[in-house]
């Protein structure tokens, strides 16, 4: 990554322009063309530096509900389970952990009944036992930006 890549990453974390041509806007801010910004973003995505570019919504402000879910998934069922979970548009995060409950994901839906129905469907279709449904009792939002400026001595 060069300095321009780092500047792009700094901008897209929390200052992504909501305009008809966001990459042209970013280019204007950074002294690049729209095409240069797009090429760099594609390169960073292919390299795995960028996983996803998308909006984050406060689900409760949209009258939606959210829940943290966890499942104990045997290795032989893991791929099918993850594919099934990720097929739901309300799943925003899905993490593998090294613990008894090894798959954790967040689910957002219009109401808790929708989440419960989806979890039952996932359980039935994947053969995985009961999925824990841990709805938020109190909301904590922590905003995190990762400063991408190169530090002295950092040769990456």
Protein backbone atom coordinates (compact mmCIF):
# COMPACT_ATOMS: atom_id res chain seq x y z
CA UNK A 1 0.00 0.00 0.00
CA UNK A 2 1.22 3.46 -0.78
CA UNK A 3 0.23 6.77 0.80
CA UNK A 4 -2.71 7.30 -1.60
CA UNK A 5 -4.12 3.86 -0.72
CA UNK A 6 -3.90 4.80 2.95
CA UNK A 7 -5.65 8.12 2.29
CA UNK A 8 -8.45 6.31 0.44
CA UNK A 9 -8.87 3.89 3.36
CA UNK A 10 -9.03 6.79 5.82
CA UNK A 11 -11.74 8.48 3.75
CA UNK A 12 -13.98 5.47 3.09
CA UNK A 13 -14.18 4.41 6.73
CA UNK A 14 -16.40 7.26 7.90
CA UNK A 15 -16.35 9.99 5.27
CA UNK A 16 -17.61 8.04 2.25
CA UNK A 17 -19.47 10.55 0.09
CA UNK A 18 -23.17 9.93 -0.42
CA UNK A 19 -23.39 11.35 -3.92
CA UNK A 20 -24.12 9.93 -7.38
CA UNK A 21 -20.39 9.51 -8.16
CA UNK A 22 -18.65 8.90 -4.82
CA UNK A 23 -15.34 7.79 -6.33
CA UNK A 24 -15.10 11.00 -8.36
CA UNK A 25 -15.75 12.94 -5.12
CA UNK A 26 -13.05 10.94 -3.33
CA UNK A 27 -10.69 11.54 -6.23
CA UNK A 28 -11.29 15.28 -5.98
CA UNK A 29 -10.47 15.21 -2.26
CA UNK A 30 -7.29 13.19 -2.82
CA UNK A 31 -5.95 14.57 -6.10
CA UNK A 32 -6.83 11.43 -8.09
CA UNK A 33 -9.19 10.70 -10.94
CA UNK A 34 -12.36 8.69 -10.42
CA UNK A 35 -10.79 5.82 -12.36
CA UNK A 36 -7.65 5.86 -10.21
CA UNK A 37 -9.71 5.67 -7.03
CA UNK A 38 -11.81 2.80 -8.41
CA UNK A 39 -8.71 0.88 -9.53
CA UNK A 40 -7.13 1.28 -6.10
CA UNK A 41 -10.31 0.24 -4.26
CA UNK A 42 -10.65 -2.87 -6.46
CA UNK A 43 -6.99 -3.73 -5.83
CA UNK A 44 -7.42 -3.31 -2.06
CA UNK A 45 -10.57 -5.45 -2.12
CA UNK A 46 -8.83 -8.23 -4.11
CA UNK A 47 -5.94 -8.12 -1.64
CA UNK A 48 -8.37 -8.57 1.27
CA UNK A 49 -7.58 -5.17 2.80
CA UNK A 50 -11.18 -4.07 2.17
CA UNK A 51 -13.83 -6.68 3.00
CA UNK A 52 -16.94 -4.67 2.39
CA UNK A 53 -18.09 -1.20 1.47
CA UNK A 54 -21.59 -0.45 2.65
CA UNK A 55 -23.73 1.56 4.98
CA UNK A 56 -24.18 0.86 8.66
CA UNK A 57 -27.65 1.59 9.96
CA UNK A 58 -28.88 2.05 13.50
CA UNK A 59 -31.45 -0.74 13.29
CA UNK A 60 -33.45 0.49 16.28
CA UNK A 61 -33.93 3.89 14.61
CA UNK A 62 -35.54 2.05 11.67
CA UNK A 63 -37.80 0.14 14.08
CA UNK A 64 -35.88 -3.07 13.43
CA UNK A 65 -34.55 -5.42 16.08
CA UNK A 66 -31.18 -7.12 16.30
CA UNK A 67 -29.73 -10.12 18.01
CA UNK A 68 -26.38 -11.74 18.55
CA UNK A 69 -26.58 -15.42 17.70
CA UNK A 70 -24.21 -18.30 18.44
CA UNK A 71 -24.05 -21.92 17.40
CA UNK A 72 -21.94 -24.95 18.09
CA UNK A 73 -21.20 -26.23 14.59
CA UNK A 74 -19.21 -29.41 13.93
CA UNK A 75 -16.41 -29.04 11.36
CA UNK A 76 -18.19 -31.26 8.83
CA UNK A 77 -21.28 -28.99 8.89
CA UNK A 78 -19.45 -25.69 9.03
CA UNK A 79 -19.39 -24.77 5.32
CA UNK A 80 -23.08 -25.54 4.80
CA UNK A 81 -24.06 -23.74 8.01
CA UNK A 82 -22.13 -20.58 7.15
CA UNK A 83 -23.48 -20.55 3.58
CA UNK A 84 -27.06 -20.85 4.92
CA UNK A 85 -26.59 -18.12 7.55
CA UNK A 86 -24.94 -15.74 5.08
CA UNK A 87 -27.83 -16.17 2.64
CA UNK A 88 -30.02 -14.05 4.94
CA UNK A 89 -29.76 -10.34 4.10
CA UNK A 90 -30.22 -9.45 7.78
CA UNK A 91 -26.96 -11.13 8.80
CA UNK A 92 -24.39 -8.38 9.16
CA UNK A 93 -21.44 -10.15 10.76
CA UNK A 94 -20.47 -13.81 10.94
CA UNK A 95 -17.39 -14.92 12.87
CA UNK A 96 -15.67 -18.22 13.54
CA UNK A 97 -14.30 -18.62 17.07
CA UNK A 98 -12.33 -21.38 18.73
CA UNK A 99 -14.80 -22.28 21.47
CA UNK A 100 -17.75 -24.62 22.02
CA UNK A 101 -19.99 -22.00 20.42
CA UNK A 102 -17.73 -21.51 17.43
CA UNK A 103 -19.95 -19.48 15.05
CA UNK A 104 -21.24 -16.07 16.12
CA UNK A 105 -23.32 -13.78 13.93
CA UNK A 106 -25.54 -10.73 14.21
CA UNK A 107 -29.02 -10.73 12.72
CA UNK A 108 -31.19 -7.69 12.03
CA UNK A 109 -34.87 -8.02 11.07
CA UNK A 110 -38.16 -6.11 11.28
CA UNK A 111 -39.12 -8.04 14.42
CA UNK A 112 -37.93 -10.81 16.73
CA UNK A 113 -40.38 -13.31 15.23
CA UNK A 114 -38.56 -12.99 11.88
CA UNK A 115 -35.23 -13.74 13.54
CA UNK A 116 -36.66 -16.70 15.47
CA UNK A 117 -38.22 -18.13 12.29
CA UNK A 118 -34.95 -17.77 10.41
CA UNK A 119 -32.99 -19.45 13.20
CA UNK A 120 -35.42 -22.40 13.23
CA UNK A 121 -35.04 -22.66 9.45
CA UNK A 122 -31.23 -22.63 9.74
CA UNK A 123 -31.31 -25.29 12.46
CA UNK A 124 -33.64 -27.54 10.45
CA UNK A 125 -31.82 -27.15 7.15
CA UNK A 126 -28.28 -27.59 8.49
CA UNK A 127 -28.87 -30.18 11.20
CA UNK A 128 -27.13 -28.00 13.75
CA UNK A 129 -28.59 -28.01 17.26
CA UNK A 130 -30.21 -25.06 18.98
CA UNK A 131 -28.82 -21.66 17.97
CA UNK A 132 -28.49 -19.22 20.86
CA UNK A 133 -30.52 -16.07 20.32
CA UNK A 134 -29.16 -13.25 22.47
CA UNK A 135 -31.13 -10.07 21.72
CA UNK A 136 -29.64 -6.79 22.83
CA UNK A 137 -30.98 -5.55 26.14
CA UNK A 138 -29.13 -2.26 25.90
CA UNK A 139 -27.42 -0.74 22.86
CA UNK A 140 -23.74 0.18 22.91
CA UNK A 141 -22.25 1.62 19.73
CA UNK A 142 -18.54 2.19 19.53
CA UNK A 143 -17.24 4.00 16.49
CA UNK A 144 -13.81 2.85 15.42
CA UNK A 145 -11.69 4.25 12.62
CA UNK A 146 -8.29 2.78 11.86
CA UNK A 147 -5.77 5.49 11.00
CA UNK A 148 -3.88 4.32 7.95
CA UNK A 149 -0.91 6.67 8.05
CA UNK A 150 2.41 4.89 7.74
CA UNK A 151 4.48 5.02 10.90
CA UNK A 152 8.26 5.64 10.80
CA UNK A 153 10.07 2.34 10.32
CA UNK A 154 6.92 0.65 8.95
CA UNK A 155 8.06 -1.02 5.77
CA UNK A 156 4.66 -2.53 4.82
